[in-house]
Amino acid sequence: MQLTTFEALLKERLQATGQVEVKTYQEISAPFLYGIMVRVDGGTVAFRITMGSGTGDPPPTAEEQAAHDANVARLDPKASMPRLQATSEQVRKAEDLIRDVLAADLPDGATEVEGPVDGRQLPGVKLRFRTASEIYVVPTR
């Protein structure tokens, strides 16, 4: 799964819960390619979305490649991340919600999702695919 597709899917699923407000990094002109801002319980938590290495990942569709190219073109190397304030409880609530919406209906090709509730020792959520690739959704501070 390409990051452009995953980011849109994650935003849609989180907003469908009615528990949080979500904006993508593109929507706020953040200086990173992929990520979301999750407003939960009065705080905003930023999550970077990155892809681990994998074998056999399908190439992006023309639409996915065009979306990625547009995202790269919009980056401003002089831009900085907005200052955010979120408590560790707000971060954990957002992490748990991300994990829960992904676990409830795994994206195509995904085999498992792992978050803090599953005993994950590193911050954030990891999604593993049949191709051995992984997508990480990790909070930034």
Protein backbone atom coordinates (compact mmCIF):
# COMPACT_ATOMS: atom_id res chain seq x y z
CA MET A 1 0.00 0.00 0.00
CA GLN A 2 1.34 3.41 -0.97
CA LEU A 3 1.59 6.11 1.68
CA THR A 4 -0.73 8.48 -0.22
CA THR A 5 -3.47 5.84 -0.14
CA PHE A 6 -2.80 4.88 3.48
CA GLU A 7 -2.81 8.47 4.74
CA ALA A 8 -6.21 9.14 3.15
CA LEU A 9 -7.62 5.86 4.48
CA LEU A 10 -6.38 6.56 8.01
CA LYS A 11 -7.76 10.11 8.03
CA GLU A 12 -11.16 8.91 6.82
CA ARG A 13 -11.38 6.13 9.41
CA LEU A 14 -10.31 8.33 12.32
CA GLN A 15 -12.77 11.07 11.44
CA ALA A 16 -15.55 8.51 11.05
CA THR A 17 -15.25 7.72 14.77
CA GLY A 18 -16.39 11.26 15.64
CA GLN A 19 -13.84 11.28 18.48
CA VAL A 20 -11.11 13.36 16.83
CA GLU A 21 -10.41 15.98 14.19
CA VAL A 22 -7.73 15.07 11.65
CA LYS A 23 -5.72 17.07 9.13
CA THR A 24 -2.99 15.79 6.85
CA TYR A 25 0.44 17.38 6.68
CA GLN A 26 -0.46 18.59 3.16
CA GLU A 27 -3.49 20.43 4.53
CA ILE A 28 -1.38 22.40 7.00
CA SER A 29 1.69 22.72 4.73
CA ALA A 30 3.92 20.84 7.16
CA PRO A 31 7.51 20.29 5.99
CA PHE A 32 7.20 16.49 5.81
CA LEU A 33 5.76 14.25 3.13
CA TYR A 34 3.25 12.14 5.02
CA GLY A 35 1.56 12.51 8.36
CA ILE A 36 -1.54 13.54 10.22
CA MET A 37 -2.44 15.92 13.00
CA VAL A 38 -4.95 14.43 15.43
CA ARG A 39 -6.88 16.77 17.73
CA VAL A 40 -8.00 14.80 20.76
CA ASP A 41 -9.27 15.99 24.16
CA GLY A 42 -8.06 19.57 23.58
CA GLY A 43 -4.55 18.67 22.44
CA THR A 44 -3.08 18.07 19.01
CA VAL A 45 -0.76 15.16 18.33
CA ALA A 46 1.37 15.05 15.18
CA PHE A 47 2.11 11.65 13.64
CA ARG A 48 4.64 11.02 10.89
CA ILE A 49 3.75 8.21 8.50
CA THR A 50 6.69 6.29 7.08
CA MET A 51 7.16 3.04 5.24
CA GLY A 52 9.64 0.35 6.20
CA SER A 53 11.41 -1.78 3.66
CA GLY A 54 9.52 -4.55 1.97
CA THR A 55 9.86 -6.97 -0.84
CA GLY A 56 7.34 -7.37 -3.56
CA ASP A 57 5.46 -4.12 -2.96
CA PRO A 58 3.36 -3.32 -6.00
CA PRO A 59 4.35 -0.19 -7.90
CA PRO A 60 2.16 2.85 -7.35
CA THR A 61 -0.78 3.39 -9.65
CA ALA A 62 -0.66 6.44 -11.93
CA GLU A 63 -3.04 8.21 -9.53
CA GLU A 64 -0.89 7.36 -6.49
CA GLN A 65 2.28 8.48 -8.26
CA ALA A 66 0.65 11.77 -9.30
CA ALA A 67 -0.50 12.38 -5.70
CA HIS A 68 3.00 11.62 -4.41
CA ASP A 69 4.62 13.92 -7.00
CA ALA A 70 2.24 16.74 -6.04
CA ASN A 71 3.09 16.20 -2.38
CA VAL A 72 6.82 16.39 -3.09
CA ALA A 73 6.33 19.55 -5.15
CA ARG A 74 4.46 21.33 -2.34
CA LEU A 75 7.25 20.89 0.23
CA ASP A 76 8.83 24.11 1.43
CA PRO A 77 12.32 23.40 2.79
CA LYS A 78 12.14 26.55 4.91
CA ALA A 79 8.84 25.65 6.58
CA SER A 80 8.79 24.45 10.15
CA MET A 81 6.42 22.24 12.08
CA PRO A 82 3.88 24.11 14.17
CA ARG A 83 4.42 23.91 17.92
CA LEU A 84 2.08 21.38 19.44
CA GLN A 85 1.06 20.68 22.96
CA ALA A 86 -0.25 17.29 23.91
CA THR A 87 -0.04 15.36 27.13
CA SER A 88 1.21 11.79 27.21
CA GLU A 89 -2.41 10.75 27.86
CA GLN A 90 -3.58 12.51 24.69
CA VAL A 91 -0.77 10.88 22.69
CA ARG A 92 -1.69 7.45 24.05
CA LYS A 93 -5.40 7.99 23.32
CA ALA A 94 -4.60 8.95 19.72
CA GLU A 95 -2.24 5.97 19.32
CA ASP A 96 -4.85 3.59 20.68
CA LEU A 97 -7.54 5.02 18.39
CA ILE A 98 -5.28 4.68 15.33
CA ARG A 99 -4.53 1.07 16.25
CA ASP A 100 -8.20 0.30 16.91
CA VAL A 101 -9.53 1.72 13.61
CA LEU A 102 -6.86 -0.21 11.67
CA ALA A 103 -7.38 -3.46 13.62
CA ALA A 104 -11.16 -3.28 13.18
CA ASP A 105 -10.75 -3.57 9.41
CA LEU A 106 -7.20 -4.24 8.23
CA PRO A 107 -6.30 -2.39 5.01
CA ASP A 108 -5.88 -4.51 1.88
CA GLY A 109 -2.84 -6.74 2.14
CA ALA A 110 -2.24 -6.03 5.83
CA THR A 111 -1.72 -8.97 8.14
CA GLU A 112 -1.42 -7.34 11.55
CA VAL A 113 -1.38 -4.06 13.44
CA GLU A 114 0.57 -3.44 16.62
CA GLY A 115 0.24 -0.58 19.10
CA PRO A 116 0.98 0.13 22.77
CA VAL A 117 -2.03 -1.92 23.89
CA ASP A 118 -0.42 -4.94 22.17
CA GLY A 119 2.81 -4.47 24.11
CA ARG A 120 4.67 -2.50 21.43
CA GLN A 121 7.67 -0.97 23.20
CA LEU A 122 8.38 1.71 20.59
CA PRO A 123 6.07 4.70 20.21
CA GLY A 124 3.29 4.68 17.66
CA VAL A 125 1.57 2.02 15.62
CA LYS A 126 3.04 -0.49 13.16
CA LEU A 127 1.07 -2.08 10.34
CA ARG A 128 2.57 -5.16 8.67
CA PHE A 129 1.71 -6.38 5.15
CA ARG A 130 1.94 -9.73 3.33
CA THR A 131 4.77 -8.28 1.23
CA ALA A 132 6.85 -7.93 4.43
CA SER A 133 6.61 -4.15 4.21
CA GLU A 134 5.54 -2.10 7.18
CA ILE A 135 3.95 1.30 7.68
CA TYR A 136 4.69 3.22 10.86
CA VAL A 137 2.49 5.94 12.37
CA VAL A 138 4.72 7.56 14.98
CA PRO A 139 4.03 10.59 17.19
CA THR A 140 6.45 13.49 16.92
CA ARG A 141 7.28 15.90 19.70
